Amino acid sequence: MNSEFLSRAIIFGEVITAVSFFFVLTKAFKRDDLKQAEEELLEEETTEEPPENETASITQEEPEFKKTLDALRAKDEEFDKFRAHTQAIETALKRKTDDLQSKDQELEKLRQEVKAIESQLKDKNSSLIALEKDNKELSAQLKDAHAKKLGAAEIEKEINVLR
């Protein structure tokens, strides 16, 4: 019974160590400071002296710990690559956004120019309508004058015939 209690105590100690290791690594990811967390863990592990019964189990777990640590380092590198990729995308999006804003400004300038040209066209169209109206009046006056001239020419012929 005593050995069963010791083995459970060892397992409980290992679970607590694993949970604390998980929390330290989670904190390191949040702070983006994994290396400092590794150093802290290594310092804690080197300063803690396990009971003599646990020395054998710790020695056996050390390669697993190193594998886990290597896997975490690989994930950290992967995360750094992902972050760099994300930053590149953000930079590209910012550049595209800036380009779109400048294009919007150019478009707004063009719209203002179009409005100014439309206003000028309306003014010129009004002037053209007024000129057409004057042209019709002058054309009517010219027809009247021509008719009067023809009438005067016939009267003159009759006068010449009568003479």
N, C-alpha and C. Protein backbone atom coordinates (compact mmCIF):
# COMPACT_ATOMS: atom_id res chain seq x y z
N MET A 1 0.81 -1.18 0.00
CA MET A 1 0.00 0.00 0.00
C MET A 1 0.86 1.26 0.00
N ASN A 2 1.95 1.21 0.68
CA ASN A 2 2.85 2.34 0.75
C ASN A 2 3.45 2.66 -0.62
N SER A 3 3.80 1.64 -1.38
CA SER A 3 4.37 1.85 -2.72
C SER A 3 3.29 2.36 -3.68
N GLU A 4 2.06 1.91 -3.51
CA GLU A 4 0.97 2.41 -4.33
C GLU A 4 0.74 3.90 -4.08
N PHE A 5 0.79 4.29 -2.82
CA PHE A 5 0.65 5.70 -2.45
C PHE A 5 1.77 6.53 -3.06
N LEU A 6 3.00 6.01 -3.01
CA LEU A 6 4.14 6.73 -3.59
C LEU A 6 4.00 6.86 -5.10
N SER A 7 3.58 5.78 -5.75
CA SER A 7 3.44 5.85 -7.22
C SER A 7 2.35 6.83 -7.60
N ARG A 8 1.25 6.87 -6.84
CA ARG A 8 0.19 7.86 -7.12
C ARG A 8 0.69 9.28 -6.85
N ALA A 9 1.48 9.45 -5.83
CA ALA A 9 2.03 10.76 -5.51
C ALA A 9 2.97 11.22 -6.64
N ILE A 10 3.75 10.29 -7.16
CA ILE A 10 4.66 10.61 -8.26
C ILE A 10 3.86 11.01 -9.50
N ILE A 11 2.82 10.24 -9.81
CA ILE A 11 1.97 10.55 -10.96
C ILE A 11 1.30 11.90 -10.76
N PHE A 12 0.79 12.13 -9.56
CA PHE A 12 0.16 13.42 -9.26
C PHE A 12 1.16 14.57 -9.44
N GLY A 13 2.38 14.38 -8.97
CA GLY A 13 3.43 15.39 -9.14
C GLY A 13 3.74 15.64 -10.61
N GLU A 14 3.76 14.56 -11.39
CA GLU A 14 4.02 14.71 -12.83
C GLU A 14 2.89 15.45 -13.53
N VAL A 15 1.65 15.15 -13.12
CA VAL A 15 0.49 15.84 -13.70
C VAL A 15 0.55 17.32 -13.36
N ILE A 16 0.86 17.64 -12.13
CA ILE A 16 0.97 19.04 -11.73
C ILE A 16 2.08 19.74 -12.52
N THR A 17 3.20 19.04 -12.69
CA THR A 17 4.30 19.61 -13.48
C THR A 17 3.86 19.84 -14.93
N ALA A 18 3.14 18.88 -15.50
CA ALA A 18 2.68 19.01 -16.89
C ALA A 18 1.68 20.16 -17.01
N VAL A 19 0.77 20.28 -16.05
CA VAL A 19 -0.23 21.36 -16.10
C VAL A 19 0.46 22.71 -15.95
N SER A 20 1.39 22.81 -15.01
CA SER A 20 2.11 24.08 -14.84
C SER A 20 2.94 24.39 -16.09
N PHE A 21 3.51 23.36 -16.69
CA PHE A 21 4.26 23.55 -17.94
C PHE A 21 3.32 24.09 -19.03
N PHE A 22 2.11 23.53 -19.11
CA PHE A 22 1.13 24.00 -20.09
C PHE A 22 0.77 25.46 -19.86
N PHE A 23 0.52 25.83 -18.61
CA PHE A 23 0.16 27.23 -18.31
C PHE A 23 1.32 28.18 -18.61
N VAL A 24 2.52 27.75 -18.31
CA VAL A 24 3.68 28.60 -18.59
C VAL A 24 3.83 28.79 -20.10
N LEU A 25 3.64 27.73 -20.87
CA LEU A 25 3.75 27.84 -22.33
C LEU A 25 2.63 28.69 -22.91
N THR A 26 1.43 28.54 -22.37
CA THR A 26 0.31 29.37 -22.83
C THR A 26 0.60 30.83 -22.57
N LYS A 27 1.11 31.10 -21.41
CA LYS A 27 1.48 32.48 -21.06
C LYS A 27 2.57 32.98 -22.01
N ALA A 28 3.50 32.11 -22.34
CA ALA A 28 4.60 32.50 -23.23
C ALA A 28 4.07 32.83 -24.61
N PHE A 29 3.10 32.06 -25.10
CA PHE A 29 2.52 32.38 -26.41
C PHE A 29 1.80 33.71 -26.36
N LYS A 30 1.13 33.96 -25.25
CA LYS A 30 0.42 35.22 -25.14
C LYS A 30 1.39 36.38 -25.12
N ARG A 31 2.50 36.21 -24.46
CA ARG A 31 3.49 37.28 -24.37
C ARG A 31 4.44 37.25 -25.56
N ASP A 32 4.33 36.19 -26.35
CA ASP A 32 5.25 35.99 -27.46
C ASP A 32 6.68 35.92 -26.94
N ASP A 33 6.85 35.16 -25.85
CA ASP A 33 8.14 35.10 -25.19
C ASP A 33 8.42 33.66 -24.77
N LEU A 34 8.40 32.75 -25.76
CA LEU A 34 8.54 31.33 -25.47
C LEU A 34 9.91 31.00 -24.91
N LYS A 35 10.92 31.65 -25.39
CA LYS A 35 12.29 31.33 -24.95
C LYS A 35 12.48 31.66 -23.47
N GLN A 36 11.91 32.76 -23.04
CA GLN A 36 12.03 33.13 -21.63
C GLN A 36 11.29 32.10 -20.78
N ALA A 37 10.15 31.64 -21.25
CA ALA A 37 9.40 30.64 -20.49
C ALA A 37 10.18 29.33 -20.41
N GLU A 38 10.85 28.96 -21.49
CA GLU A 38 11.66 27.74 -21.47
C GLU A 38 12.78 27.87 -20.44
N GLU A 39 13.42 29.03 -20.42
CA GLU A 39 14.49 29.24 -19.45
C GLU A 39 13.95 29.17 -18.02
N GLU A 40 12.79 29.76 -17.80
CA GLU A 40 12.20 29.72 -16.47
C GLU A 40 11.89 28.28 -16.06
N LEU A 41 11.34 27.52 -17.01
CA LEU A 41 11.03 26.12 -16.70
C LEU A 41 12.29 25.32 -16.42
N LEU A 42 13.31 25.55 -17.25
CA LEU A 42 14.56 24.82 -17.04
C LEU A 42 15.19 25.19 -15.69
N GLU A 43 15.10 26.46 -15.33
CA GLU A 43 15.64 26.88 -14.03
C GLU A 43 14.86 26.23 -12.90
N GLU A 44 13.53 26.19 -13.04
CA GLU A 44 12.72 25.56 -12.00
C GLU A 44 13.03 24.08 -11.87
N GLU A 45 13.21 23.43 -13.00
CA GLU A 45 13.47 22.00 -12.97
C GLU A 45 14.86 21.70 -12.42
N THR A 46 15.82 22.57 -12.74
CA THR A 46 17.17 22.31 -12.23
C THR A 46 17.30 22.65 -10.75
N THR A 47 16.51 23.63 -10.29
CA THR A 47 16.58 24.00 -8.87
C THR A 47 15.81 23.02 -7.98
N GLU A 48 14.76 22.43 -8.52
CA GLU A 48 14.00 21.46 -7.73
C GLU A 48 14.78 20.15 -7.68
N GLU A 49 14.92 19.63 -6.51
CA GLU A 49 15.57 18.34 -6.37
C GLU A 49 14.51 17.31 -6.07
N PRO A 50 14.29 16.40 -7.00
CA PRO A 50 13.25 15.40 -6.78
C PRO A 50 13.68 14.37 -5.74
N PRO A 51 12.72 13.76 -5.13
CA PRO A 51 13.07 12.66 -4.22
C PRO A 51 13.78 11.56 -5.00
N GLU A 52 14.47 10.72 -4.31
CA GLU A 52 15.28 9.71 -4.98
C GLU A 52 14.44 8.73 -5.80
N ASN A 53 13.19 8.51 -5.40
CA ASN A 53 12.33 7.58 -6.15
C ASN A 53 11.97 8.18 -7.51
N GLU A 54 11.83 9.50 -7.56
CA GLU A 54 11.40 10.16 -8.80
C GLU A 54 12.55 10.37 -9.78
N THR A 55 13.76 10.25 -9.34
CA THR A 55 14.91 10.52 -10.20
C THR A 55 14.87 9.62 -11.43
N ALA A 56 14.53 8.38 -11.26
CA ALA A 56 14.48 7.45 -12.38
C ALA A 56 13.39 7.84 -13.36
N SER A 57 12.21 8.20 -12.87
CA SER A 57 11.11 8.55 -13.77
C SER A 57 11.40 9.85 -14.50
N ILE A 58 12.04 10.83 -13.83
CA ILE A 58 12.39 12.09 -14.48
C ILE A 58 13.40 11.84 -15.58
N THR A 59 14.37 10.99 -15.33
CA THR A 59 15.36 10.68 -16.34
C THR A 59 14.71 10.04 -17.55
N GLN A 60 13.68 9.23 -17.32
CA GLN A 60 12.98 8.60 -18.43
C GLN A 60 12.12 9.61 -19.18
N GLU A 61 11.58 10.60 -18.48
CA GLU A 61 10.70 11.59 -19.12
C GLU A 61 11.47 12.69 -19.83
N GLU A 62 12.72 12.83 -19.58
CA GLU A 62 13.51 13.92 -20.16
C GLU A 62 13.50 13.88 -21.69
N PRO A 63 13.68 12.72 -22.35
CA PRO A 63 13.61 12.71 -23.81
C PRO A 63 12.22 13.13 -24.32
N GLU A 64 11.17 12.72 -23.61
CA GLU A 64 9.83 13.13 -24.01
C GLU A 64 9.67 14.63 -23.86
N PHE A 65 10.23 15.17 -22.79
CA PHE A 65 10.17 16.62 -22.57
C PHE A 65 10.90 17.35 -23.70
N LYS A 66 12.06 16.82 -24.07
CA LYS A 66 12.82 17.46 -25.16
C LYS A 66 12.07 17.36 -26.48
N LYS A 67 11.41 16.22 -26.72
CA LYS A 67 10.61 16.08 -27.94
C LYS A 67 9.47 17.09 -27.94
N THR A 68 8.82 17.21 -26.79
CA THR A 68 7.72 18.18 -26.67
C THR A 68 8.24 19.60 -26.87
N LEU A 69 9.38 19.87 -26.29
CA LEU A 69 9.98 21.19 -26.42
C LEU A 69 10.35 21.47 -27.87
N ASP A 70 10.92 20.47 -28.55
CA ASP A 70 11.26 20.63 -29.97
C ASP A 70 10.00 20.85 -30.81
N ALA A 71 8.95 20.10 -30.48
CA ALA A 71 7.69 20.28 -31.21
C ALA A 71 7.13 21.68 -30.98
N LEU A 72 7.24 22.16 -29.75
CA LEU A 72 6.77 23.52 -29.45
C LEU A 72 7.61 24.57 -30.17
N ARG A 73 8.90 24.35 -30.26
CA ARG A 73 9.76 25.27 -31.01
C ARG A 73 9.38 25.28 -32.49
N ALA A 74 9.10 24.09 -33.01
CA ALA A 74 8.68 24.01 -34.42
C ALA A 74 7.37 24.77 -34.62
N LYS A 75 6.45 24.59 -33.68
CA LYS A 75 5.18 25.33 -33.78
C LYS A 75 5.41 26.83 -33.67
N ASP A 76 6.35 27.22 -32.82
CA ASP A 76 6.68 28.64 -32.68
C ASP A 76 7.24 29.19 -33.99
N GLU A 77 8.11 28.44 -34.64
CA GLU A 77 8.64 28.87 -35.94
C GLU A 77 7.52 28.96 -36.97
N GLU A 78 6.64 27.98 -36.95
CA GLU A 78 5.50 27.97 -37.86
C GLU A 78 4.62 29.20 -37.60
N PHE A 79 4.43 29.50 -36.32
CA PHE A 79 3.63 30.67 -35.95
C PHE A 79 4.31 31.96 -36.43
N ASP A 80 5.63 32.03 -36.31
CA ASP A 80 6.36 33.21 -36.80
C ASP A 80 6.21 33.36 -38.31
N LYS A 81 6.27 32.25 -39.03
CA LYS A 81 6.08 32.29 -40.47
C LYS A 81 4.66 32.77 -40.80
N PHE A 82 3.71 32.23 -40.06
CA PHE A 82 2.32 32.65 -40.26
C PHE A 82 2.15 34.12 -39.98
N ARG A 83 2.76 34.61 -38.91
CA ARG A 83 2.68 36.02 -38.56
C ARG A 83 3.30 36.88 -39.66
N ALA A 84 4.46 36.45 -40.18
CA ALA A 84 5.11 37.20 -41.26
C ALA A 84 4.21 37.23 -42.49
N HIS A 85 3.60 36.09 -42.79
CA HIS A 85 2.68 36.02 -43.93
C HIS A 85 1.48 36.94 -43.71
N THR A 86 0.95 36.92 -42.50
CA THR A 86 -0.18 37.78 -42.16
C THR A 86 0.20 39.26 -42.29
N GLN A 87 1.38 39.60 -41.82
CA GLN A 87 1.84 40.99 -41.92
C GLN A 87 2.01 41.40 -43.38
N ALA A 88 2.49 40.47 -44.21
CA ALA A 88 2.62 40.77 -45.64
C ALA A 88 1.25 41.01 -46.26
N ILE A 89 0.29 40.20 -45.87
CA ILE A 89 -1.08 40.38 -46.38
C ILE A 89 -1.65 41.71 -45.90
N GLU A 90 -1.43 42.03 -44.63
CA GLU A 90 -1.91 43.31 -44.11
C GLU A 90 -1.28 44.48 -44.84
N THR A 91 0.01 44.38 -45.13
CA THR A 91 0.70 45.44 -45.87
C THR A 91 0.11 45.57 -47.27
N ALA A 92 -0.12 44.44 -47.92
CA ALA A 92 -0.70 44.47 -49.26
C ALA A 92 -2.11 45.07 -49.22
N LEU A 93 -2.89 44.69 -48.22
CA LEU A 93 -4.24 45.25 -48.08
C LEU A 93 -4.20 46.75 -47.84
N LYS A 94 -3.25 47.19 -47.02
CA LYS A 94 -3.13 48.62 -46.75
C LYS A 94 -2.76 49.37 -48.03
N ARG A 95 -1.84 48.78 -48.79
CA ARG A 95 -1.44 49.40 -50.06
C ARG A 95 -2.63 49.46 -51.02
N LYS A 96 -3.39 48.37 -51.10
CA LYS A 96 -4.58 48.35 -51.97
C LYS A 96 -5.61 49.37 -51.50
N THR A 97 -5.78 49.46 -50.19
CA THR A 97 -6.73 50.43 -49.64
C THR A 97 -6.30 51.85 -49.98
N ASP A 98 -5.00 52.12 -49.83
CA ASP A 98 -4.50 53.45 -50.18
C ASP A 98 -4.70 53.73 -51.67
N ASP A 99 -4.43 52.72 -52.51
CA ASP A 99 -4.64 52.88 -53.95
C ASP A 99 -6.11 53.18 -54.25
N LEU A 100 -7.00 52.43 -53.58
CA LEU A 100 -8.44 52.66 -53.80
C LEU A 100 -8.86 54.05 -53.35
N GLN A 101 -8.31 54.50 -52.25
CA GLN A 101 -8.65 55.84 -51.78
C GLN A 101 -8.17 56.91 -52.76
N SER A 102 -6.97 56.73 -53.30
CA SER A 102 -6.48 57.70 -54.28
C SER A 102 -7.32 57.64 -55.56
N LYS A 103 -7.74 56.43 -55.95
CA LYS A 103 -8.60 56.30 -57.12
C LYS A 103 -9.95 56.96 -56.87
N ASP A 104 -10.47 56.80 -55.65
CA ASP A 104 -11.73 57.46 -55.29
C ASP A 104 -11.60 58.98 -55.37
N GLN A 105 -10.47 59.50 -54.92
CA GLN A 105 -10.24 60.94 -54.99
C GLN A 105 -10.17 61.40 -56.45
N GLU A 106 -9.47 60.62 -57.28
CA GLU A 106 -9.40 60.96 -58.70
C GLU A 106 -10.79 60.91 -59.33
N LEU A 107 -11.56 59.90 -58.98
CA LEU A 107 -12.92 59.77 -59.50
C LEU A 107 -13.78 60.95 -59.09
N GLU A 108 -13.64 61.38 -57.85
CA GLU A 108 -14.41 62.54 -57.37
C GLU A 108 -14.01 63.81 -58.14
N LYS A 109 -12.71 63.97 -58.40
CA LYS A 109 -12.26 65.12 -59.19
C LYS A 109 -12.87 65.08 -60.59
N LEU A 110 -12.87 63.88 -61.19
CA LEU A 110 -13.46 63.73 -62.52
C LEU A 110 -14.95 64.03 -62.50
N ARG A 111 -15.64 63.61 -61.46
CA ARG A 111 -17.07 63.90 -61.35
C ARG A 111 -17.31 65.41 -61.28
N GLN A 112 -16.45 66.09 -60.53
CA GLN A 112 -16.59 67.55 -60.43
C GLN A 112 -16.34 68.20 -61.80
N GLU A 113 -15.34 67.70 -62.53
CA GLU A 113 -15.06 68.23 -63.86
C GLU A 113 -16.24 67.98 -64.80
N VAL A 114 -16.83 66.79 -64.71
CA VAL A 114 -17.98 66.46 -65.56
C VAL A 114 -19.14 67.39 -65.24
N LYS A 115 -19.37 67.65 -63.94
CA LYS A 115 -20.44 68.57 -63.55
C LYS A 115 -20.20 69.97 -64.12
N ALA A 116 -18.94 70.40 -64.07
CA ALA A 116 -18.60 71.73 -64.61
C ALA A 116 -18.84 71.76 -66.11
N ILE A 117 -18.45 70.72 -66.81
CA ILE A 117 -18.64 70.65 -68.27
C ILE A 117 -20.12 70.60 -68.60
N GLU A 118 -20.90 69.82 -67.81
CA GLU A 118 -22.35 69.76 -68.03
C GLU A 118 -22.97 71.14 -67.85
N SER A 119 -22.52 71.87 -66.85
CA SER A 119 -23.03 73.22 -66.62
C SER A 119 -22.71 74.13 -67.80
N GLN A 120 -21.48 74.02 -68.31
CA GLN A 120 -21.09 74.81 -69.48
C GLN A 120 -21.94 74.44 -70.69
N LEU A 121 -22.18 73.13 -70.86
CA LEU A 121 -22.99 72.67 -71.98
C LEU A 121 -24.41 73.20 -71.88
N LYS A 122 -24.96 73.20 -70.67
CA LYS A 122 -26.31 73.74 -70.49
C LYS A 122 -26.35 75.22 -70.86
N ASP A 123 -25.33 75.97 -70.42
CA ASP A 123 -25.27 77.39 -70.76
C ASP A 123 -25.18 77.58 -72.28
N LYS A 124 -24.31 76.79 -72.91
CA LYS A 124 -24.14 76.91 -74.37
C LYS A 124 -25.39 76.45 -75.10
N ASN A 125 -26.06 75.43 -74.54
CA ASN A 125 -27.29 74.95 -75.15
C ASN A 125 -28.37 76.03 -75.07
N SER A 126 -28.43 76.72 -73.93
CA SER A 126 -29.39 77.82 -73.79
C SER A 126 -29.08 78.92 -74.80
N SER A 127 -27.80 79.22 -74.96
CA SER A 127 -27.40 80.24 -75.95
C SER A 127 -27.76 79.79 -77.35
N LEU A 128 -27.55 78.51 -77.64
CA LEU A 128 -27.86 77.97 -78.96
C LEU A 128 -29.36 78.03 -79.23
N ILE A 129 -30.18 77.72 -78.23
CA ILE A 129 -31.63 77.80 -78.38
C ILE A 129 -32.05 79.24 -78.67
N ALA A 130 -31.44 80.18 -77.94
CA ALA A 130 -31.75 81.60 -78.17
C ALA A 130 -31.34 82.00 -79.59
N LEU A 131 -30.19 81.53 -80.04
CA LEU A 131 -29.73 81.85 -81.41
C LEU A 131 -30.67 81.24 -82.45
N GLU A 132 -31.14 80.02 -82.21
CA GLU A 132 -32.07 79.39 -83.16
C GLU A 132 -33.38 80.18 -83.23
N LYS A 133 -33.84 80.64 -82.08
CA LYS A 133 -35.06 81.45 -82.04
C LYS A 133 -34.85 82.75 -82.83
N ASP A 134 -33.70 83.41 -82.59
CA ASP A 134 -33.38 84.63 -83.35
C ASP A 134 -33.27 84.32 -84.84
N ASN A 135 -32.69 83.15 -85.16
CA ASN A 135 -32.53 82.75 -86.57
C ASN A 135 -33.90 82.57 -87.22
N LYS A 136 -34.84 81.96 -86.50
CA LYS A 136 -36.19 81.77 -87.05
C LYS A 136 -36.87 83.12 -87.29
N GLU A 137 -36.71 84.02 -86.31
CA GLU A 137 -37.32 85.35 -86.47
C GLU A 137 -36.71 86.09 -87.67
N LEU A 138 -35.37 86.00 -87.77
CA LEU A 138 -34.71 86.67 -88.89
C LEU A 138 -35.09 86.02 -90.22
N SER A 139 -35.24 84.69 -90.19
CA SER A 139 -35.64 83.98 -91.41
C SER A 139 -37.04 84.42 -91.82
N ALA A 140 -37.94 84.56 -90.84
CA ALA A 140 -39.31 85.01 -91.15
C ALA A 140 -39.27 86.44 -91.70
N GLN A 141 -38.46 87.29 -91.10
CA GLN A 141 -38.33 88.66 -91.59
C GLN A 141 -37.75 88.69 -92.99
N LEU A 142 -36.80 87.80 -93.25
CA LEU A 142 -36.20 87.73 -94.58
C LEU A 142 -37.22 87.28 -95.61
N LYS A 143 -38.05 86.30 -95.24
CA LYS A 143 -39.10 85.85 -96.16
C LYS A 143 -40.08 86.99 -96.44
N ASP A 144 -40.46 87.72 -95.38
CA ASP A 144 -41.36 88.87 -95.57
C ASP A 144 -40.71 89.91 -96.48
N ALA A 145 -39.44 90.18 -96.24
CA ALA A 145 -38.73 91.18 -97.05
C ALA A 145 -38.63 90.69 -98.50
N HIS A 146 -38.38 89.40 -98.68
CA HIS A 146 -38.27 88.84 -100.03
C HIS A 146 -39.63 88.91 -100.74
N ALA A 147 -40.69 88.59 -99.97
CA ALA A 147 -42.03 88.65 -100.55
C ALA A 147 -42.36 90.09 -100.93
N LYS A 148 -41.99 91.04 -100.08
CA LYS A 148 -42.24 92.45 -100.39
C LYS A 148 -41.44 92.88 -101.61
N LYS A 149 -40.21 92.36 -101.70
CA LYS A 149 -39.38 92.71 -102.86
C LYS A 149 -39.99 92.15 -104.13
N LEU A 150 -40.49 90.90 -104.06
CA LEU A 150 -41.15 90.31 -105.23
C LEU A 150 -42.42 91.09 -105.59
N GLY A 151 -43.13 91.46 -104.55
CA GLY A 151 -44.35 92.25 -104.78
C GLY A 151 -43.99 93.61 -105.39
N ALA A 152 -42.93 94.21 -104.93
CA ALA A 152 -42.49 95.50 -105.46
C ALA A 152 -42.01 95.33 -106.88
N ALA A 153 -41.39 94.25 -107.19
CA ALA A 153 -40.90 94.00 -108.55
C ALA A 153 -42.07 93.83 -109.50
N GLU A 154 -43.14 93.20 -109.10
CA GLU A 154 -44.31 93.01 -109.95
C GLU A 154 -45.04 94.34 -110.17
N ILE A 155 -45.10 95.09 -109.09
CA ILE A 155 -45.73 96.41 -109.21
C ILE A 155 -44.91 97.26 -110.19
N GLU A 156 -43.62 97.17 -110.10
CA GLU A 156 -42.76 97.94 -111.00
C GLU A 156 -42.95 97.48 -112.44
N LYS A 157 -43.12 96.18 -112.68
CA LYS A 157 -43.36 95.67 -114.03
C LYS A 157 -44.68 96.22 -114.57
N GLU A 158 -45.67 96.22 -113.75
CA GLU A 158 -46.97 96.72 -114.17
C GLU A 158 -46.89 98.22 -114.51
N ILE A 159 -46.12 98.91 -113.69
CA ILE A 159 -45.94 100.34 -113.96
C ILE A 159 -45.21 100.51 -115.29
N ASN A 160 -44.24 99.71 -115.52
CA ASN A 160 -43.50 99.81 -116.79
C ASN A 160 -44.40 99.42 -117.96
N VAL A 161 -45.26 98.48 -117.76
CA VAL A 161 -46.17 98.07 -118.83
C VAL A 161 -47.15 99.22 -119.08
N LEU A 162 -47.61 99.81 -118.08
CA LEU A 162 -48.56 100.91 -118.21
C LEU A 162 -47.86 102.14 -118.80
N ARG A 163 -46.72 102.29 -118.79
CA ARG A 163 -46.03 103.46 -119.31
C ARG A 163 -45.81 103.28 -120.72
